[in-house]
Full PDB file with SEQRES, HELIX, SHEET, SSBOND, CRYST1, ORIGX, SCALE, CONECT and MASTER records, all heavy atoms in Angstrom:
SEQRES   1 A   37  ARG ASP SER GLY THR GLU TRP THR VAL VAL ARG SER SER          
SEQRES   2 A   37  PHE PHE ALA GLN ASN PHE SER GLU ASP PHE LEU VAL ASP          
SEQRES   3 A   37  GLY VAL ARG THR GLY VAL VAL ALA PHE ALA ALA                  
HELIX    1 AA1 ALA A   16  PHE A   19  5                                   4    
HELIX    2 AA2 VAL A   25  THR A   30  1                                   6    
CRYST1    1.000    1.000    1.000  90.00  90.00  90.00 P 1           1          
ORIGX1      1.000000  0.000000  0.000000        0.00000                         
ORIGX2      0.000000  1.000000  0.000000        0.00000                         
ORIGX3      0.000000  0.000000  1.000000        0.00000                         
SCALE1      1.000000  0.000000  0.000000        0.00000                         
SCALE2      0.000000  1.000000  0.000000        0.00000                         
SCALE3      0.000000  0.000000  1.000000        0.00000                         
ATOM      1  N   ARG A   1     -27.930 -68.130  48.131  1.00  0.00           N  
ATOM      2  CA  ARG A   1     -29.379 -67.962  48.275  1.00  0.00           C  
ATOM      3  C   ARG A   1     -29.781 -66.489  48.271  1.00  0.00           C  
ATOM      4  O   ARG A   1     -30.843 -66.122  47.772  1.00  0.00           O  
ATOM      5  CB  ARG A   1     -29.853 -68.609  49.577  1.00  0.00           C  
ATOM      6  CG  ARG A   1     -29.844 -70.120  49.599  1.00  0.00           C  
ATOM      7  CD  ARG A   1     -30.570 -70.590  50.846  1.00  0.00           C  
ATOM      8  NE  ARG A   1     -30.625 -72.034  50.951  1.00  0.00           N  
ATOM      9  CZ  ARG A   1     -29.810 -72.760  51.706  1.00  0.00           C  
ATOM     10  NH1 ARG A   1     -28.864 -72.171  52.413  1.00  0.00           N  
ATOM     11  NH2 ARG A   1     -29.927 -74.074  51.765  1.00  0.00           N  
ATOM     12  N   ASP A   2     -28.925 -65.646  48.851  1.00  0.00           N  
ATOM     13  CA  ASP A   2     -29.236 -64.223  48.972  1.00  0.00           C  
ATOM     14  C   ASP A   2     -28.964 -63.426  47.699  1.00  0.00           C  
ATOM     15  O   ASP A   2     -29.219 -62.220  47.664  1.00  0.00           O  
ATOM     16  CB  ASP A   2     -28.409 -63.603  50.108  1.00  0.00           C  
ATOM     17  CG  ASP A   2     -28.797 -64.132  51.485  1.00  0.00           C  
ATOM     18  OD1 ASP A   2     -29.897 -64.692  51.617  1.00  0.00           O  
ATOM     19  OD2 ASP A   2     -27.972 -63.988  52.417  1.00  0.00           O  
ATOM     20  N   SER A   3     -28.458 -64.078  46.654  1.00  0.00           N  
ATOM     21  CA  SER A   3     -28.000 -63.359  45.465  1.00  0.00           C  
ATOM     22  C   SER A   3     -29.130 -62.794  44.616  1.00  0.00           C  
ATOM     23  O   SER A   3     -28.925 -61.876  43.822  1.00  0.00           O  
ATOM     24  CB  SER A   3     -27.142 -64.283  44.592  1.00  0.00           C  
ATOM     25  OG  SER A   3     -27.937 -65.336  44.048  1.00  0.00           O  
ATOM     26  N   GLY A   4     -30.330 -63.366  44.740  1.00  0.00           N  
ATOM     27  CA  GLY A   4     -31.438 -62.932  43.901  1.00  0.00           C  
ATOM     28  C   GLY A   4     -31.591 -63.728  42.628  1.00  0.00           C  
ATOM     29  O   GLY A   4     -32.529 -63.505  41.849  1.00  0.00           O  
ATOM     30  N   THR A   5     -30.691 -64.677  42.376  1.00  0.00           N  
ATOM     31  CA  THR A   5     -30.805 -65.553  41.212  1.00  0.00           C  
ATOM     32  C   THR A   5     -31.491 -66.861  41.621  1.00  0.00           C  
ATOM     33  O   THR A   5     -31.661 -67.149  42.808  1.00  0.00           O  
ATOM     34  CB  THR A   5     -29.408 -65.913  40.658  1.00  0.00           C  
ATOM     35  OG1 THR A   5     -28.730 -66.753  41.613  1.00  0.00           O  
ATOM     36  CG2 THR A   5     -28.582 -64.658  40.400  1.00  0.00           C  
ATOM     37  N   GLU A   6     -31.869 -67.660  40.621  1.00  0.00           N  
ATOM     38  CA  GLU A   6     -32.205 -69.044  40.913  1.00  0.00           C  
ATOM     39  C   GLU A   6     -30.936 -69.724  41.424  1.00  0.00           C  
ATOM     40  O   GLU A   6     -29.839 -69.403  40.982  1.00  0.00           O  
ATOM     41  CB  GLU A   6     -32.695 -69.765  39.658  1.00  0.00           C  
ATOM     42  CG  GLU A   6     -34.044 -69.326  39.162  1.00  0.00           C  
ATOM     43  CD  GLU A   6     -34.527 -70.184  37.997  1.00  0.00           C  
ATOM     44  OE1 GLU A   6     -33.782 -71.087  37.573  1.00  0.00           O  
ATOM     45  OE2 GLU A   6     -35.636 -69.942  37.510  1.00  0.00           O  
ATOM     46  N   TRP A   7     -31.082 -70.672  42.344  1.00  0.00           N  
ATOM     47  CA  TRP A   7     -29.902 -71.314  42.896  1.00  0.00           C  
ATOM     48  C   TRP A   7     -30.168 -72.794  43.155  1.00  0.00           C  
ATOM     49  O   TRP A   7     -31.296 -73.218  43.381  1.00  0.00           O  
ATOM     50  CB  TRP A   7     -29.463 -70.638  44.202  1.00  0.00           C  
ATOM     51  CG  TRP A   7     -30.522 -70.625  45.266  1.00  0.00           C  
ATOM     52  CD1 TRP A   7     -31.433 -69.638  45.509  1.00  0.00           C  
ATOM     53  CD2 TRP A   7     -30.820 -71.683  46.200  1.00  0.00           C  
ATOM     54  NE1 TRP A   7     -32.266 -69.998  46.542  1.00  0.00           N  
ATOM     55  CE2 TRP A   7     -31.917 -71.230  46.990  1.00  0.00           C  
ATOM     56  CE3 TRP A   7     -30.268 -72.935  46.457  1.00  0.00           C  
ATOM     57  CZ2 TRP A   7     -32.467 -72.005  48.008  1.00  0.00           C  
ATOM     58  CZ3 TRP A   7     -30.818 -73.719  47.461  1.00  0.00           C  
ATOM     59  CH2 TRP A   7     -31.898 -73.251  48.224  1.00  0.00           C  
ATOM     60  N   THR A   8     -29.088 -73.560  43.123  1.00  0.00           N  
ATOM     61  CA  THR A   8     -29.095 -74.962  43.536  1.00  0.00           C  
ATOM     62  C   THR A   8     -27.796 -75.211  44.286  1.00  0.00           C  
ATOM     63  O   THR A   8     -26.742 -74.717  43.893  1.00  0.00           O  
ATOM     64  CB  THR A   8     -29.168 -75.913  42.326  1.00  0.00           C  
ATOM     65  OG1 THR A   8     -30.296 -75.573  41.519  1.00  0.00           O  
ATOM     66  CG2 THR A   8     -29.282 -77.356  42.771  1.00  0.00           C  
ATOM     67  N   VAL A   9     -27.863 -75.965  45.362  1.00  0.00           N  
ATOM     68  CA  VAL A   9     -26.683 -76.334  46.132  1.00  0.00           C  
ATOM     69  C   VAL A   9     -26.432 -77.828  45.969  1.00  0.00           C  
ATOM     70  O   VAL A   9     -27.351 -78.641  46.128  1.00  0.00           O  
ATOM     71  CB  VAL A   9     -26.859 -75.992  47.624  1.00  0.00           C  
ATOM     72  CG1 VAL A   9     -25.740 -76.612  48.464  1.00  0.00           C  
ATOM     73  CG2 VAL A   9     -26.894 -74.478  47.816  1.00  0.00           C  
ATOM     74  N   VAL A  10     -25.196 -78.180  45.630  1.00  0.00           N  
ATOM     75  CA  VAL A  10     -24.761 -79.582  45.590  1.00  0.00           C  
ATOM     76  C   VAL A  10     -23.817 -79.765  46.779  1.00  0.00           C  
ATOM     77  O   VAL A  10     -22.663 -79.340  46.731  1.00  0.00           O  
ATOM     78  CB  VAL A  10     -24.069 -79.929  44.261  1.00  0.00           C  
ATOM     79  CG1 VAL A  10     -23.715 -81.415  44.230  1.00  0.00           C  
ATOM     80  CG2 VAL A  10     -24.953 -79.568  43.077  1.00  0.00           C  
ATOM     81  N   ARG A  11     -24.338 -80.355  47.840  1.00  0.00           N  
ATOM     82  CA  ARG A  11     -23.599 -80.481  49.111  1.00  0.00           C  
ATOM     83  C   ARG A  11     -22.961 -81.871  49.170  1.00  0.00           C  
ATOM     84  O   ARG A  11     -23.659 -82.878  49.305  1.00  0.00           O  
ATOM     85  CB  ARG A  11     -24.558 -80.257  50.274  1.00  0.00           C  
ATOM     86  CG  ARG A  11     -23.900 -80.199  51.639  1.00  0.00           C  
ATOM     87  CD  ARG A  11     -24.957 -80.087  52.720  1.00  0.00           C  
ATOM     88  NE  ARG A  11     -25.643 -78.798  52.693  1.00  0.00           N  
ATOM     89  CZ  ARG A  11     -26.821 -78.579  53.280  1.00  0.00           C  
ATOM     90  NH1 ARG A  11     -27.460 -79.569  53.882  1.00  0.00           N  
ATOM     91  NH2 ARG A  11     -27.377 -77.375  53.237  1.00  0.00           N  
ATOM     92  N   SER A  12     -21.652 -81.899  49.084  1.00  0.00           N  
ATOM     93  CA  SER A  12     -20.957 -83.152  48.806  1.00  0.00           C  
ATOM     94  C   SER A  12     -20.257 -83.758  50.015  1.00  0.00           C  
ATOM     95  O   SER A  12     -19.733 -83.049  50.878  1.00  0.00           O  
ATOM     96  CB  SER A  12     -19.915 -82.902  47.708  1.00  0.00           C  
ATOM     97  OG  SER A  12     -19.102 -84.032  47.513  1.00  0.00           O  
ATOM     98  N   SER A  13     -20.200 -85.091  50.030  1.00  0.00           N  
ATOM     99  CA  SER A  13     -19.351 -85.812  50.969  1.00  0.00           C  
ATOM    100  C   SER A  13     -17.930 -85.877  50.392  1.00  0.00           C  
ATOM    101  O   SER A  13     -17.618 -85.257  49.375  1.00  0.00           O  
ATOM    102  CB  SER A  13     -19.918 -87.212  51.224  1.00  0.00           C  
ATOM    103  OG  SER A  13     -20.051 -87.934  50.014  1.00  0.00           O  
ATOM    104  N   PHE A  14     -17.051 -86.628  51.032  1.00  0.00           N  
ATOM    105  CA  PHE A  14     -15.627 -86.718  50.668  1.00  0.00           C  
ATOM    106  C   PHE A  14     -15.476 -87.349  49.288  1.00  0.00           C  
ATOM    107  O   PHE A  14     -16.047 -88.397  49.005  1.00  0.00           O  
ATOM    108  CB  PHE A  14     -14.893 -87.545  51.720  1.00  0.00           C  
ATOM    109  CG  PHE A  14     -13.395 -87.433  51.708  1.00  0.00           C  
ATOM    110  CD1 PHE A  14     -12.753 -86.481  52.486  1.00  0.00           C  
ATOM    111  CD2 PHE A  14     -12.636 -88.291  50.930  1.00  0.00           C  
ATOM    112  CE1 PHE A  14     -11.375 -86.386  52.495  1.00  0.00           C  
ATOM    113  CE2 PHE A  14     -11.257 -88.206  50.929  1.00  0.00           C  
ATOM    114  CZ  PHE A  14     -10.621 -87.248  51.711  1.00  0.00           C  
ATOM    115  N   PHE A  15     -14.698 -86.717  48.427  1.00  0.00           N  
ATOM    116  CA  PHE A  15     -14.521 -87.206  47.051  1.00  0.00           C  
ATOM    117  C   PHE A  15     -13.759 -88.524  47.023  1.00  0.00           C  
ATOM    118  O   PHE A  15     -12.656 -88.638  47.579  1.00  0.00           O  
ATOM    119  CB  PHE A  15     -13.713 -86.222  46.211  1.00  0.00           C  
ATOM    120  CG  PHE A  15     -14.339 -84.881  45.959  1.00  0.00           C  
ATOM    121  CD1 PHE A  15     -13.611 -83.897  45.290  1.00  0.00           C  
ATOM    122  CD2 PHE A  15     -15.625 -84.589  46.358  1.00  0.00           C  
ATOM    123  CE1 PHE A  15     -14.161 -82.655  45.041  1.00  0.00           C  
ATOM    124  CE2 PHE A  15     -16.189 -83.354  46.118  1.00  0.00           C  
ATOM    125  CZ  PHE A  15     -15.449 -82.382  45.456  1.00  0.00           C  
ATOM    126  N   ALA A  16     -14.269 -89.522  46.313  1.00  0.00           N  
ATOM    127  CA  ALA A  16     -13.485 -90.730  46.044  1.00  0.00           C  
ATOM    128  C   ALA A  16     -12.215 -90.379  45.285  1.00  0.00           C  
ATOM    129  O   ALA A  16     -11.143 -90.954  45.522  1.00  0.00           O  
ATOM    130  CB  ALA A  16     -14.330 -91.731  45.250  1.00  0.00           C  
ATOM    131  N   GLN A  17     -12.309 -89.421  44.378  1.00  0.00           N  
ATOM    132  CA  GLN A  17     -11.166 -89.075  43.534  1.00  0.00           C  
ATOM    133  C   GLN A  17     -10.015 -88.416  44.272  1.00  0.00           C  
ATOM    134  O   GLN A  17      -8.946 -88.212  43.680  1.00  0.00           O  
ATOM    135  CB  GLN A  17     -11.619 -88.192  42.363  1.00  0.00           C  
ATOM    136  CG  GLN A  17     -12.151 -88.960  41.162  1.00  0.00           C  
ATOM    137  CD  GLN A  17     -13.539 -89.527  41.355  1.00  0.00           C  
ATOM    138  OE1 GLN A  17     -14.178 -89.328  42.388  1.00  0.00           O  
ATOM    139  NE2 GLN A  17     -14.042 -90.238  40.359  1.00  0.00           N  
ATOM    140  N   ASN A  18     -10.188 -88.105  45.568  1.00  0.00           N  
ATOM    141  CA  ASN A  18      -9.040 -87.641  46.347  1.00  0.00           C  
ATOM    142  C   ASN A  18      -7.967 -88.717  46.441  1.00  0.00           C  
ATOM    143  O   ASN A  18      -6.800 -88.419  46.677  1.00  0.00           O  
ATOM    144  CB  ASN A  18      -9.470 -87.216  47.753  1.00  0.00           C  
ATOM    145  CG  ASN A  18     -10.181 -85.874  47.756  1.00  0.00           C  
ATOM    146  OD1 ASN A  18      -9.947 -85.031  46.897  1.00  0.00           O  
ATOM    147  ND2 ASN A  18     -11.061 -85.676  48.726  1.00  0.00           N  
ATOM    148  N   PHE A  19      -8.365 -89.973  46.232  1.00  0.00           N  
ATOM    149  CA  PHE A  19      -7.404 -91.072  46.232  1.00  0.00           C  
ATOM    150  C   PHE A  19      -6.634 -91.186  44.908  1.00  0.00           C  
ATOM    151  O   PHE A  19      -5.614 -91.867  44.851  1.00  0.00           O  
ATOM    152  CB  PHE A  19      -8.108 -92.404  46.500  1.00  0.00           C  
ATOM    153  CG  PHE A  19      -8.576 -92.597  47.907  1.00  0.00           C  
ATOM    154  CD1 PHE A  19      -9.911 -92.409  48.238  1.00  0.00           C  
ATOM    155  CD2 PHE A  19      -7.695 -92.967  48.915  1.00  0.00           C  
ATOM    156  CE1 PHE A  19     -10.369 -92.592  49.538  1.00  0.00           C  
ATOM    157  CE2 PHE A  19      -8.138 -93.158  50.225  1.00  0.00           C  
ATOM    158  CZ  PHE A  19      -9.482 -92.959  50.540  1.00  0.00           C  
ATOM    159  N   SER A  20      -7.139 -90.558  43.862  1.00  0.00           N  
ATOM    160  CA  SER A  20      -6.513 -90.751  42.546  1.00  0.00           C  
ATOM    161  C   SER A  20      -6.131 -89.455  41.839  1.00  0.00           C  
ATOM    162  O   SER A  20      -5.323 -89.472  40.912  1.00  0.00           O  
ATOM    163  CB  SER A  20      -7.454 -91.545  41.619  1.00  0.00           C  
ATOM    164  OG  SER A  20      -8.735 -90.950  41.561  1.00  0.00           O  
ATOM    165  N   GLU A  21      -6.701 -88.320  42.287  1.00  0.00           N  
ATOM    166  CA  GLU A  21      -6.438 -87.064  41.613  1.00  0.00           C  
ATOM    167  C   GLU A  21      -6.027 -85.962  42.584  1.00  0.00           C  
ATOM    168  O   GLU A  21      -6.042 -84.789  42.220  1.00  0.00           O  
ATOM    169  CB  GLU A  21      -7.688 -86.611  40.834  1.00  0.00           C  
ATOM    170  CG  GLU A  21      -8.138 -87.604  39.775  1.00  0.00           C  
ATOM    171  CD  GLU A  21      -9.414 -87.171  39.068  1.00  0.00           C  
ATOM    172  OE1 GLU A  21      -9.708 -85.970  39.032  1.00  0.00           O  
ATOM    173  OE2 GLU A  21     -10.123 -88.059  38.551  1.00  0.00           O  
ATOM    174  N   ASP A  22      -5.670 -86.345  43.801  1.00  0.00           N  
ATOM    175  CA  ASP A  22      -5.348 -85.320  44.792  1.00  0.00           C  
ATOM    176  C   ASP A  22      -4.315 -85.862  45.780  1.00  0.00           C  
ATOM    177  O   ASP A  22      -3.523 -86.738  45.439  1.00  0.00           O  
ATOM    178  CB  ASP A  22      -6.616 -84.838  45.501  1.00  0.00           C  
ATOM    179  CG  ASP A  22      -6.533 -83.370  45.936  1.00  0.00           C  
ATOM    180  OD1 ASP A  22      -5.474 -82.972  46.430  1.00  0.00           O  
ATOM    181  OD2 ASP A  22      -7.520 -82.645  45.802  1.00  0.00           O  
ATOM    182  N   PHE A  23      -4.371 -85.401  47.012  1.00  0.00           N  
ATOM    183  CA  PHE A  23      -3.269 -85.567  47.953  1.00  0.00           C  
ATOM    184  C   PHE A  23      -3.044 -86.993  48.432  1.00  0.00           C  
ATOM    185  O   PHE A  23      -2.005 -87.286  49.026  1.00  0.00           O  
ATOM    186  CB  PHE A  23      -3.473 -84.634  49.154  1.00  0.00           C  
ATOM    187  CG  PHE A  23      -4.684 -84.939  49.982  1.00  0.00           C  
ATOM    188  CD1 PHE A  23      -4.548 -85.614  51.187  1.00  0.00           C  
ATOM    189  CD2 PHE A  23      -5.952 -84.553  49.571  1.00  0.00           C  
ATOM    190  CE1 PHE A  23      -5.664 -85.896  51.966  1.00  0.00           C  
ATOM    191  CE2 PHE A  23      -7.062 -84.819  50.346  1.00  0.00           C  
ATOM    192  CZ  PHE A  23      -6.922 -85.495  51.543  1.00  0.00           C  
ATOM    193  N   LEU A  24      -3.977 -87.916  48.198  1.00  0.00           N  
ATOM    194  CA  LEU A  24      -3.810 -89.292  48.664  1.00  0.00           C  
ATOM    195  C   LEU A  24      -3.239 -90.225  47.603  1.00  0.00           C  
ATOM    196  O   LEU A  24      -2.931 -91.379  47.897  1.00  0.00           O  
ATOM    197  CB  LEU A  24      -5.158 -89.836  49.157  1.00  0.00           C  
ATOM    198  CG  LEU A  24      -5.768 -89.106  50.366  1.00  0.00           C  
ATOM    199  CD1 LEU A  24      -7.149 -89.655  50.679  1.00  0.00           C  
ATOM    200  CD2 LEU A  24      -4.858 -89.215  51.590  1.00  0.00           C  
ATOM    201  N   VAL A  25      -3.075 -89.739  46.385  1.00  0.00           N  
ATOM    202  CA  VAL A  25      -2.670 -90.628  45.290  1.00  0.00           C  
ATOM    203  C   VAL A  25      -1.259 -91.182  45.485  1.00  0.00           C  
ATOM    204  O   VAL A  25      -1.003 -92.358  45.183  1.00  0.00           O  
ATOM    205  CB  VAL A  25      -2.804 -89.919  43.925  1.00  0.00           C  
ATOM    206  CG1 VAL A  25      -1.857 -88.729  43.807  1.00  0.00           C  
ATOM    207  CG2 VAL A  25      -2.573 -90.902  42.783  1.00  0.00           C  
ATOM    208  N   ASP A  26      -0.333 -90.379  45.971  1.00  0.00           N  
ATOM    209  CA  ASP A  26       1.037 -90.870  46.136  1.00  0.00           C  
ATOM    210  C   ASP A  26       1.097 -91.996  47.153  1.00  0.00           C  
ATOM    211  O   ASP A  26       1.885 -92.946  46.993  1.00  0.00           O  
ATOM    212  CB  ASP A  26       1.962 -89.727  46.547  1.00  0.00           C  
ATOM    213  CG  ASP A  26       2.242 -88.753  45.416  1.00  0.00           C  
ATOM    214  OD1 ASP A  26       2.068 -89.152  44.240  1.00  0.00           O  
ATOM    215  OD2 ASP A  26       2.624 -87.599  45.691  1.00  0.00           O  
ATOM    216  N   GLY A  27       0.276 -91.905  48.202  1.00  0.00           N  
ATOM    217  CA  GLY A  27       0.252 -92.969  49.189  1.00  0.00           C  
ATOM    218  C   GLY A  27      -0.230 -94.285  48.596  1.00  0.00           C  
ATOM    219  O   GLY A  27       0.307 -95.354  48.913  1.00  0.00           O  
ATOM    220  N   VAL A  28      -1.226 -94.219  47.726  1.00  0.00           N  
ATOM    221  CA  VAL A  28      -1.701 -95.432  47.062  1.00  0.00           C  
ATOM    222  C   VAL A  28      -0.577 -96.030  46.222  1.00  0.00           C  
ATOM    223  O   VAL A  28      -0.351 -97.248  46.232  1.00  0.00           O  
ATOM    224  CB  VAL A  28      -2.934 -95.146  46.193  1.00  0.00           C  
ATOM    225  CG1 VAL A  28      -3.376 -96.402  45.461  1.00  0.00           C  
ATOM    226  CG2 VAL A  28      -4.090 -94.611  47.051  1.00  0.00           C  
ATOM    227  N   ARG A  29       0.155 -95.193  45.515  1.00  0.00           N  
ATOM    228  CA  ARG A  29       1.227 -95.690  44.657  1.00  0.00           C  
ATOM    229  C   ARG A  29       2.358 -96.334  45.457  1.00  0.00           C  
ATOM    230  O   ARG A  29       2.910 -97.364  45.047  1.00  0.00           O  
ATOM    231  CB  ARG A  29       1.791 -94.540  43.817  1.00  0.00           C  
ATOM    232  CG  ARG A  29       0.831 -94.037  42.748  1.00  0.00           C  
ATOM    233  CD  ARG A  29       1.337 -92.744  42.140  1.00  0.00           C  
ATOM    234  NE  ARG A  29       0.449 -92.238  41.088  1.00  0.00           N  
ATOM    235  CZ  ARG A  29       0.451 -90.994  40.647  1.00  0.00           C  
ATOM    236  NH1 ARG A  29       1.301 -90.099  41.159  1.00  0.00           N  
ATOM    237  NH2 ARG A  29      -0.388 -90.613  39.696  1.00  0.00           N  
ATOM    238  N   THR A  30       2.705 -95.753  46.596  1.00  0.00           N  
ATOM    239  CA  THR A  30       3.815 -96.285  47.387  1.00  0.00           C  
ATOM    240  C   THR A  30       3.397 -97.423  48.304  1.00  0.00           C  
ATOM    241  O   THR A  30       4.249 -98.152  48.825  1.00  0.00           O  
ATOM    242  CB  THR A  30       4.451 -95.181  48.245  1.00  0.00           C  
ATOM    243  OG1 THR A  30       3.472 -94.625  49.141  1.00  0.00           O  
ATOM    244  CG2 THR A  30       5.007 -94.073  47.358  1.00  0.00           C  
ATOM    245  N   GLY A  31       2.088 -97.566  48.528  1.00  0.00           N  
ATOM    246  CA  GLY A  31       1.601 -98.684  49.323  1.00  0.00           C  
ATOM    247  C   GLY A  31       1.251 -98.353  50.752  1.00  0.00           C  
ATOM    248  O   GLY A  31       0.869 -99.247  51.519  1.00  0.00           O  
ATOM    249  N   VAL A  32       1.338 -97.060  51.143  1.00  0.00           N  
ATOM    250  CA  VAL A  32       0.949 -96.653  52.488  1.00  0.00           C  
ATOM    251  C   VAL A  32       0.207 -95.324  52.401  1.00  0.00           C  
ATOM    252  O   VAL A  32       0.814 -94.292  52.070  1.00  0.00           O  
ATOM    253  CB  VAL A  32       2.150 -96.496  53.440  1.00  0.00           C  
ATOM    254  CG1 VAL A  32       1.666 -96.065  54.826  1.00  0.00           C  
ATOM    255  CG2 VAL A  32       2.948 -97.771  53.533  1.00  0.00           C  
ATOM    256  N   VAL A  33      -1.080 -95.341  52.664  1.00  0.00           N  
ATOM    257  CA  VAL A  33      -1.874 -94.117  52.677  1.00  0.00           C  
ATOM    258  C   VAL A  33      -1.920 -93.615  54.117  1.00  0.00           C  
ATOM    259  O   VAL A  33      -2.462 -94.284  54.998  1.00  0.00           O  
ATOM    260  CB  VAL A  33      -3.304 -94.369  52.160  1.00  0.00           C  
ATOM    261  CG1 VAL A  33      -4.155 -93.106  52.314  1.00  0.00           C  
ATOM    262  CG2 VAL A  33      -3.259 -94.809  50.694  1.00  0.00           C  
ATOM    263  N   ALA A  34      -1.325 -92.442  54.347  1.00  0.00           N  
ATOM    264  CA  ALA A  34      -1.267 -91.857  55.687  1.00  0.00           C  
ATOM    265  C   ALA A  34      -2.205 -90.659  55.753  1.00  0.00           C  
ATOM    266  O   ALA A  34      -2.081 -89.721  54.961  1.00  0.00           O  
ATOM    267  CB  ALA A  34       0.165 -91.429  56.014  1.00  0.00           C  
ATOM    268  N   PHE A  35      -3.139 -90.704  56.695  1.00  0.00           N  
ATOM    269  CA  PHE A  35      -4.120 -89.626  56.781  1.00  0.00           C  
ATOM    270  C   PHE A  35      -4.678 -89.566  58.191  1.00  0.00           C  
ATOM    271  O   PHE A  35      -4.669 -90.554  58.923  1.00  0.00           O  
ATOM    272  CB  PHE A  35      -5.242 -89.863  55.768  1.00  0.00           C  
ATOM    273  CG  PHE A  35      -6.209 -88.721  55.625  1.00  0.00           C  
ATOM    274  CD1 PHE A  35      -5.776 -87.417  55.473  1.00  0.00           C  
ATOM    275  CD2 PHE A  35      -7.572 -88.959  55.648  1.00  0.00           C  
ATOM    276  CE1 PHE A  35      -6.665 -86.374  55.348  1.00  0.00           C  
ATOM    277  CE2 PHE A  35      -8.479 -87.918  55.521  1.00  0.00           C  
ATOM    278  CZ  PHE A  35      -8.022 -86.617  55.372  1.00  0.00           C  
ATOM    279  N   ALA A  36      -5.191 -88.379  58.546  1.00  0.00           N  
ATOM    280  CA  ALA A  36      -5.777 -88.179  59.868  1.00  0.00           C  
ATOM    281  C   ALA A  36      -7.297 -88.246  59.762  1.00  0.00           C  
ATOM    282  O   ALA A  36      -7.952 -87.248  59.462  1.00  0.00           O  
ATOM    283  CB  ALA A  36      -5.349 -86.827  60.434  1.00  0.00           C  
ATOM    284  N   ALA A  37      -7.840 -89.424  59.938  1.00  0.00           N  
ATOM    285  CA  ALA A  37      -9.299 -89.606  59.907  1.00  0.00           C  
ATOM    286  C   ALA A  37      -9.676 -90.624  60.964  1.00  0.00           C  
ATOM    287  O   ALA A  37      -9.031 -91.670  61.082  1.00  0.00           O  
ATOM    288  CB  ALA A  37      -9.762 -90.069  58.533  1.00  0.00           C  
TER     289      ALA A  37                                                      
MASTER        0    0    0    2    0    0    0    6  288    1    0    3          
END                                                                             
């Protein structure tokens, strides 16, 4: 916001794709998703 340009913020919740393209994918493949939530 302070940059002096036009700006837009996309403020996101937790990605669904963390289950398929990130750290949770191996758990899905092996059948046990282990996470601290």
